[in-house]
Every structure is written in structure tokens, then in C-alpha cells.
Amino acid sequence: MIEPIEKKVPGDGIAIHLAVWEGRGKNILAVHGLTANNRCWDPIARSVAPNHRLLAMDLRGRGL
């Protein structure tokens, strides 16, 4: 399994947890559903990376 780089990034006064699966192509921003977190994109990341860079953030109140 491809492991993402986990980061905290600033966002409008709060820290947002971001998972980044590195790739050579265009950036793809993935936003999860209400009851999930950014790691729900693990299966998709296997198909997308390394052809594209997949970024997935945790929505407020979910994940880290």
C-alpha cells in the first residue's frame, strides 16, 4: 500500500490535517463524505498515484 505524507496546514484560523500521495501529474483534491476521514481515499490513491498527486483533507470534526 502507498502511504501518504501526513501534514497539518493552516486554514482560516485552524489547522487542517492533509494527506498527500505524491505523483508526477496534476493535483487532485479529494473531499470525503460526512462520516469518513481523509484515509478513506487509500484505495483510490493506489490507482491515482504516481500518475497524479492526490490531496485529501479532513473536514472539521473528522479524522485528525
C-alpha atoms as a PDB file:
ATOM      1  CA  MET A   1       0.000   0.000   0.000  1.00  0.00           C
ATOM      2  CA  ILE A   2       1.165   3.522  -0.791  1.00  0.00           C
ATOM      3  CA  GLU A   3       1.401   5.599   2.393  1.00  0.00           C
ATOM      4  CA  PRO A   4       0.634   9.318   2.191  1.00  0.00           C
ATOM      5  CA  ILE A   5       2.648  12.153   3.640  1.00  0.00           C
ATOM      6  CA  GLU A   6       0.607  13.486   6.578  1.00  0.00           C
ATOM      7  CA  LYS A   7       0.683  17.266   7.176  1.00  0.00           C
ATOM      8  CA  LYS A   8      -1.016  19.994   9.177  1.00  0.00           C
ATOM      9  CA  VAL A   9      -1.684  23.094   7.081  1.00  0.00           C
ATOM     10  CA  PRO A  10      -3.150  26.466   8.146  1.00  0.00           C
ATOM     11  CA  GLY A  11      -6.700  27.203   7.107  1.00  0.00           C
ATOM     12  CA  ASP A  12      -8.782  30.191   8.227  1.00  0.00           C
ATOM     13  CA  GLY A  13      -7.593  30.163  11.834  1.00  0.00           C
ATOM     14  CA  ILE A  14      -7.447  26.392  12.283  1.00  0.00           C
ATOM     15  CA  ALA A  15      -5.009  23.601  11.399  1.00  0.00           C
ATOM     16  CA  ILE A  16      -6.257  21.252   8.691  1.00  0.00           C
ATOM     17  CA  HIS A  17      -4.979  17.680   8.540  1.00  0.00           C
ATOM     18  CA  LEU A  18      -3.942  16.795   4.990  1.00  0.00           C
ATOM     19  CA  ALA A  19      -2.834  13.501   3.449  1.00  0.00           C
ATOM     20  CA  VAL A  20      -0.744  13.759   0.266  1.00  0.00           C
ATOM     21  CA  TRP A  21       0.000  10.864  -2.069  1.00  0.00           C
ATOM     22  CA  GLU A  22       2.781  12.154  -4.324  1.00  0.00           C
ATOM     23  CA  GLY A  23       2.627  11.810  -8.089  1.00  0.00           C
ATOM     24  CA  ARG A  24       4.001  13.336 -11.273  1.00  0.00           C
ATOM     25  CA  GLY A  25       0.809  14.668 -12.844  1.00  0.00           C
ATOM     26  CA  LYS A  26      -1.905  17.116 -11.945  1.00  0.00           C
ATOM     27  CA  ASN A  27      -3.125  17.735  -8.398  1.00  0.00           C
ATOM     28  CA  ILE A  28      -6.416  16.107  -7.418  1.00  0.00           C
ATOM     29  CA  LEU A  29      -8.241  17.331  -4.305  1.00  0.00           C
ATOM     30  CA  ALA A  30     -10.382  14.615  -2.687  1.00  0.00           C
ATOM     31  CA  VAL A  31     -13.057  15.553  -0.135  1.00  0.00           C
ATOM     32  CA  HIS A  32     -14.600  12.758   1.924  1.00  0.00           C
ATOM     33  CA  GLY A  33     -18.219  12.296   2.971  1.00  0.00           C
ATOM     34  CA  LEU A  34     -19.752  13.287   6.285  1.00  0.00           C
ATOM     35  CA  THR A  35     -18.861  10.170   8.305  1.00  0.00           C
ATOM     36  CA  ALA A  36     -15.408   9.432   6.812  1.00  0.00           C
ATOM     37  CA  ASN A  37     -11.899  10.916   7.063  1.00  0.00           C
ATOM     38  CA  ASN A  38      -9.064  11.580   4.628  1.00  0.00           C
ATOM     39  CA  ARG A  39      -7.812   7.985   4.768  1.00  0.00           C
ATOM     40  CA  CYS A  40     -10.971   6.735   3.054  1.00  0.00           C
ATOM     41  CA  TRP A  41      -9.081   7.598  -0.152  1.00  0.00           C
ATOM     42  CA  ASP A  42      -6.383   4.923   0.395  1.00  0.00           C
ATOM     43  CA  PRO A  43      -7.874   2.501  -2.207  1.00  0.00           C
ATOM     44  CA  ILE A  44      -8.264   5.285  -4.787  1.00  0.00           C
ATOM     45  CA  ALA A  45      -4.706   6.518  -4.151  1.00  0.00           C
ATOM     46  CA  ARG A  46      -3.340   3.160  -5.326  1.00  0.00           C
ATOM     47  CA  SER A  47      -4.887   3.806  -8.742  1.00  0.00           C
ATOM     48  CA  VAL A  48      -4.245   7.559  -8.971  1.00  0.00           C
ATOM     49  CA  ALA A  49      -0.657   7.872  -7.673  1.00  0.00           C
ATOM     50  CA  PRO A  50       2.008   8.015  -9.055  1.00  0.00           C
ATOM     51  CA  ASN A  51       0.313   9.399 -12.200  1.00  0.00           C
ATOM     52  CA  HIS A  52      -1.244  12.271 -10.247  1.00  0.00           C
ATOM     53  CA  ARG A  53      -0.788  13.947  -6.872  1.00  0.00           C
ATOM     54  CA  LEU A  54      -3.772  13.184  -4.610  1.00  0.00           C
ATOM     55  CA  LEU A  55      -4.503  15.575  -1.718  1.00  0.00           C
ATOM     56  CA  ALA A  56      -7.179  14.679   0.811  1.00  0.00           C
ATOM     57  CA  MET A  57      -8.127  16.857   3.768  1.00  0.00           C
ATOM     58  CA  ASP A  58     -10.035  16.002   6.908  1.00  0.00           C
ATOM     59  CA  LEU A  59     -13.204  18.023   7.206  1.00  0.00           C
ATOM     60  CA  ARG A  60     -13.648  19.878  10.506  1.00  0.00           C
ATOM     61  CA  GLY A  61     -14.596  17.473  13.288  1.00  0.00           C
ATOM     62  CA  ARG A  62     -13.443  14.368  11.384  1.00  0.00           C
ATOM     63  CA  GLY A  63     -10.172  12.465  11.471  1.00  0.00           C
ATOM     64  CA  LEU A  64      -7.207  14.327  12.941  1.00  0.00           C
END
